[in-house]
Amino acid sequence: MTTRLSTKGQVVIPASARRRLRLNPGDQLSIELGSVRDRTLILRGPGPDDLEQRLAKGAEWLRRQRISLVESLHRDRERERISEKNRRRP
């Protein structure tokens, strides 16, 4: 499959490729340059490794902030219960 570079420097990914790769508007793609001689450009969407890295980064941030995710979730859920009870009172 081939495509062209527009005068604005944009590349259109053919619809069949977007469907097959399940790409949606706004998806972030990583660019990997192949051989300069071949003028190869490889676009990669986020994969399982990217997700694991993001989760690890988030967990590290929580640890540095001394925030317990479980305790925060319990507190938020308790606030929601209280709020729900108050809304149901006549």
PDB file of N, CA and C in Angstrom:
ATOM      1  N   MET A   1       0.845  -1.167   0.000  1.00  0.00           N
ATOM      2  CA  MET A   1       0.000   0.000   0.000  1.00  0.00           C
ATOM      3  C   MET A   1       0.895   1.236   0.000  1.00  0.00           C
ATOM      4  N   THR A   2       0.548   2.197  -0.798  1.00  0.00           N
ATOM      5  CA  THR A   2       1.321   3.445  -0.837  1.00  0.00           C
ATOM      6  C   THR A   2       0.374   4.625  -0.688  1.00  0.00           C
ATOM      7  N   THR A   3       0.954   5.765  -0.350  1.00  0.00           N
ATOM      8  CA  THR A   3       0.195   7.004  -0.228  1.00  0.00           C
ATOM      9  C   THR A   3       1.122   8.145  -0.632  1.00  0.00           C
ATOM     10  N   ARG A   4       0.613   9.326  -0.678  1.00  0.00           N
ATOM     11  CA  ARG A   4       1.422  10.485  -1.085  1.00  0.00           C
ATOM     12  C   ARG A   4       1.491  11.498   0.050  1.00  0.00           C
ATOM     13  N   LEU A   5       2.528  12.302   0.009  1.00  0.00           N
ATOM     14  CA  LEU A   5       2.706  13.406   0.935  1.00  0.00           C
ATOM     15  C   LEU A   5       2.070  14.642   0.317  1.00  0.00           C
ATOM     16  N   SER A   6       1.207  15.308   1.077  1.00  0.00           N
ATOM     17  CA  SER A   6       0.542  16.501   0.541  1.00  0.00           C
ATOM     18  C   SER A   6       1.496  17.691   0.565  1.00  0.00           C
ATOM     19  N   THR A   7       1.082  18.782  -0.073  1.00  0.00           N
ATOM     20  CA  THR A   7       1.899  20.001  -0.082  1.00  0.00           C
ATOM     21  C   THR A   7       2.021  20.585   1.321  1.00  0.00           C
ATOM     22  N   LYS A   8       1.112  20.202   2.223  1.00  0.00           N
ATOM     23  CA  LYS A   8       1.163  20.661   3.614  1.00  0.00           C
ATOM     24  C   LYS A   8       1.970  19.719   4.502  1.00  0.00           C
ATOM     25  N   GLY A   9       2.563  18.673   3.914  1.00  0.00           N
ATOM     26  CA  GLY A   9       3.360  17.724   4.690  1.00  0.00           C
ATOM     27  C   GLY A   9       2.533  16.670   5.401  1.00  0.00           C
ATOM     28  N   GLN A  10       1.284  16.515   4.991  1.00  0.00           N
ATOM     29  CA  GLN A  10       0.396  15.542   5.619  1.00  0.00           C
ATOM     30  C   GLN A  10       0.371  14.249   4.812  1.00  0.00           C
ATOM     31  N   VAL A  11       0.201  13.150   5.537  1.00  0.00           N
ATOM     32  CA  VAL A  11       0.106  11.837   4.906  1.00  0.00           C
ATOM     33  C   VAL A  11      -1.280  11.277   5.203  1.00  0.00           C
ATOM     34  N   VAL A  12      -1.937  10.800   4.172  1.00  0.00           N
ATOM     35  CA  VAL A  12      -3.249  10.181   4.350  1.00  0.00           C
ATOM     36  C   VAL A  12      -3.046   8.677   4.464  1.00  0.00           C
ATOM     37  N   ILE A  13      -3.560   8.104   5.547  1.00  0.00           N
ATOM     38  CA  ILE A  13      -3.529   6.651   5.700  1.00  0.00           C
ATOM     39  C   ILE A  13      -4.805   6.133   5.044  1.00  0.00           C
ATOM     40  N   PRO A  14      -4.675   5.261   4.059  1.00  0.00           N
ATOM     41  CA  PRO A  14      -5.865   4.766   3.358  1.00  0.00           C
ATOM     42  C   PRO A  14      -6.905   4.186   4.322  1.00  0.00           C
ATOM     43  N   ALA A  15      -8.178   4.383   3.984  1.00  0.00           N
ATOM     44  CA  ALA A  15      -9.277   3.942   4.852  1.00  0.00           C
ATOM     45  C   ALA A  15      -9.192   2.458   5.156  1.00  0.00           C
ATOM     46  N   SER A  16      -8.827   1.640   4.180  1.00  0.00           N
ATOM     47  CA  SER A  16      -8.747   0.197   4.424  1.00  0.00           C
ATOM     48  C   SER A  16      -7.693  -0.115   5.488  1.00  0.00           C
ATOM     49  N   ALA A  17      -6.581   0.617   5.480  1.00  0.00           N
ATOM     50  CA  ALA A  17      -5.537   0.410   6.489  1.00  0.00           C
ATOM     51  C   ALA A  17      -6.018   0.892   7.860  1.00  0.00           C
ATOM     52  N   ARG A  18      -6.714   2.051   7.884  1.00  0.00           N
ATOM     53  CA  ARG A  18      -7.236   2.568   9.163  1.00  0.00           C
ATOM     54  C   ARG A  18      -8.226   1.591   9.781  1.00  0.00           C
ATOM     55  N   ARG A  19      -9.094   1.025   8.944  1.00  0.00           N
ATOM     56  CA  ARG A  19     -10.067   0.047   9.467  1.00  0.00           C
ATOM     57  C   ARG A  19      -9.358  -1.192   9.991  1.00  0.00           C
ATOM     58  N   ARG A  20      -8.426  -1.698   9.214  1.00  0.00           N
ATOM     59  CA  ARG A  20      -7.717  -2.925   9.600  1.00  0.00           C
ATOM     60  C   ARG A  20      -6.926  -2.739  10.899  1.00  0.00           C
ATOM     61  N   LEU A  21      -6.350  -1.554  11.075  1.00  0.00           N
ATOM     62  CA  LEU A  21      -5.558  -1.262  12.271  1.00  0.00           C
ATOM     63  C   LEU A  21      -6.394  -0.665  13.403  1.00  0.00           C
ATOM     64  N   ARG A  22      -7.689  -0.449  13.124  1.00  0.00           N
ATOM     65  CA  ARG A  22      -8.607   0.137  14.105  1.00  0.00           C
ATOM     66  C   ARG A  22      -8.107   1.492  14.599  1.00  0.00           C
ATOM     67  N   LEU A  23      -7.679   2.326  13.645  1.00  0.00           N
ATOM     68  CA  LEU A  23      -7.223   3.670  13.977  1.00  0.00           C
ATOM     69  C   LEU A  23      -8.403   4.629  13.947  1.00  0.00           C
ATOM     70  N   ASN A  24      -8.419   5.536  14.892  1.00  0.00           N
ATOM     71  CA  ASN A  24      -9.488   6.525  14.996  1.00  0.00           C
ATOM     72  C   ASN A  24      -8.893   7.918  15.019  1.00  0.00           C
ATOM     73  N   PRO A  25      -9.669   8.928  14.623  1.00  0.00           N
ATOM     74  CA  PRO A  25      -9.164  10.302  14.693  1.00  0.00           C
ATOM     75  C   PRO A  25      -8.690  10.611  16.113  1.00  0.00           C
ATOM     76  N   GLY A  26      -7.542  11.233  16.205  1.00  0.00           N
ATOM     77  CA  GLY A  26      -6.982  11.587  17.514  1.00  0.00           C
ATOM     78  C   GLY A  26      -6.037  10.545  18.087  1.00  0.00           C
ATOM     79  N   ASP A  27      -5.999   9.332  17.516  1.00  0.00           N
ATOM     80  CA  ASP A  27      -5.062   8.317  17.998  1.00  0.00           C
ATOM     81  C   ASP A  27      -3.638   8.816  17.810  1.00  0.00           C
ATOM     82  N   GLN A  28      -2.793   8.564  18.793  1.00  0.00           N
ATOM     83  CA  GLN A  28      -1.395   8.949  18.677  1.00  0.00           C
ATOM     84  C   GLN A  28      -0.623   7.824  18.005  1.00  0.00           C
ATOM     85  N   LEU A  29       0.253   8.200  17.098  1.00  0.00           N
ATOM     86  CA  LEU A  29       1.079   7.237  16.385  1.00  0.00           C
ATOM     87  C   LEU A  29       2.537   7.611  16.584  1.00  0.00           C
ATOM     88  N   SER A  30       3.377   6.617  16.817  1.00  0.00           N
ATOM     89  CA  SER A  30       4.816   6.838  16.909  1.00  0.00           C
ATOM     90  C   SER A  30       5.405   6.711  15.514  1.00  0.00           C
ATOM     91  N   ILE A  31       6.405   7.521  15.240  1.00  0.00           N
ATOM     92  CA  ILE A  31       7.059   7.486  13.938  1.00  0.00           C
ATOM     93  C   ILE A  31       8.431   6.844  14.103  1.00  0.00           C
ATOM     94  N   GLU A  32       8.691   5.861  13.271  1.00  0.00           N
ATOM     95  CA  GLU A  32       9.994   5.209  13.255  1.00  0.00           C
ATOM     96  C   GLU A  32      10.547   5.353  11.847  1.00  0.00           C
ATOM     97  N   LEU A  33      11.751   5.882  11.752  1.00  0.00           N
ATOM     98  CA  LEU A  33      12.359   6.074  10.449  1.00  0.00           C
ATOM     99  C   LEU A  33      13.201   4.858  10.095  1.00  0.00           C
ATOM    100  N   GLY A  34      12.953   4.337   8.911  1.00  0.00           N
ATOM    101  CA  GLY A  34      13.758   3.232   8.403  1.00  0.00           C
ATOM    102  C   GLY A  34      14.949   3.802   7.662  1.00  0.00           C
ATOM    103  N   SER A  35      15.374   3.116   6.675  1.00  0.00           N
ATOM    104  CA  SER A  35      16.511   3.534   5.862  1.00  0.00           C
ATOM    105  C   SER A  35      16.201   4.834   5.137  1.00  0.00           C
ATOM    106  N   VAL A  36      17.135   5.777   5.187  1.00  0.00           N
ATOM    107  CA  VAL A  36      16.963   7.045   4.481  1.00  0.00           C
ATOM    108  C   VAL A  36      16.952   6.788   2.972  1.00  0.00           C
ATOM    109  N   ARG A  37      17.751   5.835   2.548  1.00  0.00           N
ATOM    110  CA  ARG A  37      17.835   5.521   1.124  1.00  0.00           C
ATOM    111  C   ARG A  37      16.488   4.995   0.614  1.00  0.00           C
ATOM    112  N   ASP A  38      15.838   4.160   1.404  1.00  0.00           N
ATOM    113  CA  ASP A  38      14.543   3.596   1.001  1.00  0.00           C
ATOM    114  C   ASP A  38      13.386   4.543   1.280  1.00  0.00           C
ATOM    115  N   ARG A  39      13.653   5.605   2.062  1.00  0.00           N
ATOM    116  CA  ARG A  39      12.614   6.552   2.465  1.00  0.00           C
ATOM    117  C   ARG A  39      11.436   5.826   3.110  1.00  0.00           C
ATOM    118  N   THR A  40      11.756   4.998   4.093  1.00  0.00           N
ATOM    119  CA  THR A  40      10.750   4.209   4.791  1.00  0.00           C
ATOM    120  C   THR A  40      10.320   4.922   6.062  1.00  0.00           C
ATOM    121  N   LEU A  41       9.028   5.015   6.260  1.00  0.00           N
ATOM    122  CA  LEU A  41       8.439   5.619   7.451  1.00  0.00           C
ATOM    123  C   LEU A  41       7.482   4.605   8.040  1.00  0.00           C
ATOM    124  N   ILE A  42       7.650   4.274   9.306  1.00  0.00           N
ATOM    125  CA  ILE A  42       6.784   3.298   9.960  1.00  0.00           C
ATOM    126  C   ILE A  42       6.001   4.017  11.052  1.00  0.00           C
ATOM    127  N   LEU A  43       4.687   3.905  11.014  1.00  0.00           N
ATOM    128  CA  LEU A  43       3.825   4.483  12.044  1.00  0.00           C
ATOM    129  C   LEU A  43       3.354   3.369  12.951  1.00  0.00           C
ATOM    130  N   ARG A  44       3.469   3.581  14.224  1.00  0.00           N
ATOM    131  CA  ARG A  44       3.030   2.574  15.190  1.00  0.00           C
ATOM    132  C   ARG A  44       2.043   3.201  16.169  1.00  0.00           C
ATOM    133  N   GLY A  45       0.965   2.487  16.397  1.00  0.00           N
ATOM    134  CA  GLY A  45       0.011   2.899  17.412  1.00  0.00           C
ATOM    135  C   GLY A  45       0.464   2.371  18.754  1.00  0.00           C
ATOM    136  N   PRO A  46      -0.171   2.811  19.820  1.00  0.00           N
ATOM    137  CA  PRO A  46       0.211   2.326  21.143  1.00  0.00           C
ATOM    138  C   PRO A  46      -0.052   0.833  21.260  1.00  0.00           C
ATOM    139  N   GLY A  47       0.891   0.116  21.819  1.00  0.00           N
ATOM    140  CA  GLY A  47       0.761  -1.318  22.002  1.00  0.00           C
ATOM    141  C   GLY A  47       0.750  -1.669  23.482  1.00  0.00           C
ATOM    142  N   PRO A  48       0.748  -2.952  23.796  1.00  0.00           N
ATOM    143  CA  PRO A  48       0.714  -3.386  25.203  1.00  0.00           C
ATOM    144  C   PRO A  48       1.882  -2.845  26.026  1.00  0.00           C
ATOM    145  N   ASP A  49       3.060  -2.746  25.417  1.00  0.00           N
ATOM    146  CA  ASP A  49       4.211  -2.225  26.155  1.00  0.00           C
ATOM    147  C   ASP A  49       3.998  -0.766  26.536  1.00  0.00           C
ATOM    148  N   ASP A  50       3.409   0.006  25.632  1.00  0.00           N
ATOM    149  CA  ASP A  50       3.137   1.412  25.927  1.00  0.00           C
ATOM    150  C   ASP A  50       2.180   1.537  27.103  1.00  0.00           C
ATOM    151  N   LEU A  51       1.159   0.696  27.129  1.00  0.00           N
ATOM    152  CA  LEU A  51       0.187   0.739  28.214  1.00  0.00           C
ATOM    153  C   LEU A  51       0.854   0.391  29.539  1.00  0.00           C
ATOM    154  N   GLU A  52       1.684  -0.637  29.535  1.00  0.00           N
ATOM    155  CA  GLU A  52       2.382  -1.023  30.767  1.00  0.00           C
ATOM    156  C   GLU A  52       3.284   0.102  31.257  1.00  0.00           C
ATOM    157  N   GLN A  53       3.964   0.774  30.342  1.00  0.00           N
ATOM    158  CA  GLN A  53       4.829   1.889  30.730  1.00  0.00           C
ATOM    159  C   GLN A  53       4.020   3.030  31.330  1.00  0.00           C
ATOM    160  N   ARG A  54       2.875   3.320  30.735  1.00  0.00           N
ATOM    161  CA  ARG A  54       2.025   4.393  31.266  1.00  0.00           C
ATOM    162  C   ARG A  54       1.490   4.047  32.645  1.00  0.00           C
ATOM    163  N   LEU A  55       1.082   2.793  32.835  1.00  0.00           N
ATOM    164  CA  LEU A  55       0.588   2.364  34.145  1.00  0.00           C
ATOM    165  C   LEU A  55       1.692   2.437  35.192  1.00  0.00           C
ATOM    166  N   ALA A  56       2.892   2.007  34.816  1.00  0.00           N
ATOM    167  CA  ALA A  56       4.020   2.063  35.742  1.00  0.00           C
ATOM    168  C   ALA A  56       4.344   3.511  36.108  1.00  0.00           C
ATOM    169  N   LYS A  57       4.291   4.399  35.122  1.00  0.00           N
ATOM    170  CA  LYS A  57       4.556   5.818  35.372  1.00  0.00           C
ATOM    171  C   LYS A  57       3.511   6.398  36.320  1.00  0.00           C
ATOM    172  N   GLY A  58       2.241   6.042  36.108  1.00  0.00           N
ATOM    173  CA  GLY A  58       1.168   6.513  36.987  1.00  0.00           C
ATOM    174  C   GLY A  58       1.317   5.974  38.398  1.00  0.00           C
ATOM    175  N   ALA A  59       1.674   4.702  38.517  1.00  0.00           N
ATOM    176  CA  ALA A  59       1.861   4.088  39.841  1.00  0.00           C
ATOM    177  C   ALA A  59       3.019   4.762  40.570  1.00  0.00           C
ATOM    178  N   GLU A  60       4.080   5.072  39.843  1.00  0.00           N
ATOM    179  CA  GLU A  60       5.233   5.755  40.449  1.00  0.00           C
ATOM    180  C   GLU A  60       4.840   7.152  40.928  1.00  0.00           C
ATOM    181  N   TRP A  61       4.024   7.864  40.131  1.00  0.00           N
ATOM    182  CA  TRP A  61       3.566   9.191  40.532  1.00  0.00           C
ATOM    183  C   TRP A  61       2.736   9.092  41.813  1.00  0.00           C
ATOM    184  N   LEU A  62       1.829   8.126  41.875  1.00  0.00           N
ATOM    185  CA  LEU A  62       1.014   7.945  43.079  1.00  0.00           C
ATOM    186  C   LEU A  62       1.893   7.658  44.295  1.00  0.00           C
ATOM    187  N   ARG A  63       2.913   6.811  44.100  1.00  0.00           N
ATOM    188  CA  ARG A  63       3.814   6.465  45.204  1.00  0.00           C
ATOM    189  C   ARG A  63       4.563   7.711  45.687  1.00  0.00           C
ATOM    190  N   ARG A  64       5.073   8.522  44.749  1.00  0.00           N
ATOM    191  CA  ARG A  64       5.801   9.741  45.123  1.00  0.00           C
ATOM    192  C   ARG A  64       4.890  10.744  45.843  1.00  0.00           C
ATOM    193  N   GLN A  65       3.628  10.783  45.437  1.00  0.00           N
ATOM    194  CA  GLN A  65       2.668  11.695  46.065  1.00  0.00           C
ATOM    195  C   GLN A  65       2.128  11.134  47.381  1.00  0.00           C
ATOM    196  N   ARG A  66       2.514   9.915  47.677  1.00  0.00           N
ATOM    197  CA  ARG A  66       2.043   9.206  48.886  1.00  0.00           C
ATOM    198  C   ARG A  66       0.514   9.096  48.894  1.00  0.00           C
ATOM    199  N   ILE A  67       0.002   8.735  47.731  1.00  0.00           N
ATOM    200  CA  ILE A  67      -1.441   8.570  47.566  1.00  0.00           C
ATOM    201  C   ILE A  67      -1.733   7.086  47.414  1.00  0.00           C
ATOM    202  N   SER A  68      -2.651   6.596  48.232  1.00  0.00           N
ATOM    203  CA  SER A  68      -3.090   5.214  48.093  1.00  0.00           C
ATOM    204  C   SER A  68      -4.297   5.201  47.160  1.00  0.00           C
ATOM    205  N   LEU A  69      -4.132   4.553  46.032  1.00  0.00           N
ATOM    206  CA  LEU A  69      -5.209   4.499  45.054  1.00  0.00           C
ATOM    207  C   LEU A  69      -6.446   3.822  45.641  1.00  0.00           C
ATOM    208  N   VAL A  70      -6.252   2.745  46.367  1.00  0.00           N
ATOM    209  CA  VAL A  70      -7.379   2.013  46.957  1.00  0.00           C
ATOM    210  C   VAL A  70      -8.119   2.885  47.968  1.00  0.00           C
ATOM    211  N   GLU A  71      -7.367   3.555  48.839  1.00  0.00           N
ATOM    212  CA  GLU A  71      -8.014   4.428  49.834  1.00  0.00           C
ATOM    213  C   GLU A  71      -8.751   5.584  49.155  1.00  0.00           C
ATOM    214  N   SER A  72      -8.165   6.147  48.122  1.00  0.00           N
ATOM    215  CA  SER A  72      -8.816   7.234  47.394  1.00  0.00           C
ATOM    216  C   SER A  72     -10.117   6.769  46.759  1.00  0.00           C
ATOM    217  N   LEU A  73     -10.097   5.579  46.179  1.00  0.00           N
ATOM    218  CA  LEU A  73     -11.311   5.029  45.576  1.00  0.00           C
ATOM    219  C   LEU A  73     -12.393   4.794  46.619  1.00  0.00           C
ATOM    220  N   HIS A  74     -11.996   4.276  47.785  1.00  0.00           N
ATOM    221  CA  HIS A  74     -12.970   4.051  48.862  1.00  0.00           C
ATOM    222  C   HIS A  74     -13.569   5.372  49.350  1.00  0.00           C
ATOM    223  N   ARG A  75     -12.724   6.401  49.519  1.00  0.00           N
ATOM    224  CA  ARG A  75     -13.226   7.708  49.956  1.00  0.00           C
ATOM    225  C   ARG A  75     -14.194   8.291  48.931  1.00  0.00           C
ATOM    226  N   ASP A  76     -13.819   8.208  47.647  1.00  0.00           N
ATOM    227  CA  ASP A  76     -14.692   8.733  46.595  1.00  0.00           C
ATOM    228  C   ASP A  76     -16.017   7.994  46.555  1.00  0.00           C
ATOM    229  N   ARG A  77     -15.963   6.686  46.696  1.00  0.00           N
ATOM    230  CA  ARG A  77     -17.201   5.893  46.679  1.00  0.00           C
ATOM    231  C   ARG A  77     -18.092   6.237  47.861  1.00  0.00           C
ATOM    232  N   GLU A  78     -17.496   6.442  49.033  1.00  0.00           N
ATOM    233  CA  GLU A  78     -18.272   6.825  50.216  1.00  0.00           C
ATOM    234  C   GLU A  78     -18.930   8.185  50.006  1.00  0.00           C
ATOM    235  N   ARG A  79     -18.197   9.143  49.420  1.00  0.00           N
ATOM    236  CA  ARG A  79     -18.785  10.455  49.111  1.00  0.00           C
ATOM    237  C   ARG A  79     -19.961  10.310  48.154  1.00  0.00           C
ATOM    238  N   GLU A  80     -19.817   9.443  47.173  1.00  0.00           N
ATOM    239  CA  GLU A  80     -20.912   9.205  46.216  1.00  0.00           C
ATOM    240  C   GLU A  80     -22.128   8.607  46.916  1.00  0.00           C
ATOM    241  N   ARG A  81     -21.917   7.688  47.840  1.00  0.00           N
ATOM    242  CA  ARG A  81     -23.047   7.095  48.588  1.00  0.00           C
ATOM    243  C   ARG A  81     -23.795   8.160  49.378  1.00  0.00           C
ATOM    244  N   ILE A  82     -23.036   9.014  50.054  1.00  0.00           N
ATOM    245  CA  ILE A  82     -23.652  10.078  50.849  1.00  0.00           C
ATOM    246  C   ILE A  82     -24.413  11.040  49.939  1.00  0.00           C
ATOM    247  N   SER A  83     -23.797  11.401  48.841  1.00  0.00           N
ATOM    248  CA  SER A  83     -24.440  12.299  47.889  1.00  0.00           C
ATOM    249  C   SER A  83     -25.726  11.686  47.341  1.00  0.00           C
ATOM    250  N   GLU A  84     -25.686  10.414  47.022  1.00  0.00           N
ATOM    251  CA  GLU A  84     -26.871   9.712  46.508  1.00  0.00           C
ATOM    252  C   GLU A  84     -27.989   9.683  47.553  1.00  0.00           C
ATOM    253  N   LYS A  85     -27.640   9.426  48.813  1.00  0.00           N
ATOM    254  CA  LYS A  85     -28.644   9.421  49.875  1.00  0.00           C
ATOM    255  C   LYS A  85     -29.298  10.790  50.003  1.00  0.00           C
ATOM    256  N   ASN A  86     -28.485  11.849  49.937  1.00  0.00           N
ATOM    257  CA  ASN A  86     -29.017  13.206  50.053  1.00  0.00           C
ATOM    258  C   ASN A  86     -29.934  13.561  48.911  1.00  0.00           C
ATOM    259  N   ARG A  87     -29.644  13.074  47.735  1.00  0.00           N
ATOM    260  CA  ARG A  87     -30.504  13.343  46.561  1.00  0.00           C
ATOM    261  C   ARG A  87     -31.845  12.617  46.682  1.00  0.00           C
ATOM    262  N   ARG A  88     -31.863  11.462  47.301  1.00  0.00           N
ATOM    263  CA  ARG A  88     -33.092  10.664  47.406  1.00  0.00           C
ATOM    264  C   ARG A  88     -34.009  11.120  48.521  1.00  0.00           C
ATOM    265  N   ARG A  89     -33.499  11.922  49.458  1.00  0.00           N
ATOM    266  CA  ARG A  89     -34.340  12.377  50.570  1.00  0.00           C
ATOM    267  C   ARG A  89     -35.390  13.329  50.071  1.00  0.00           C
ATOM    268  N   PRO A  90     -36.658  13.159  50.529  1.00  0.00           N
ATOM    269  CA  PRO A  90     -37.729  14.068  50.103  1.00  0.00           C
ATOM    270  C   PRO A  90     -37.649  15.420  50.745  1.00  0.00           C
TER     271      PRO A  90
END
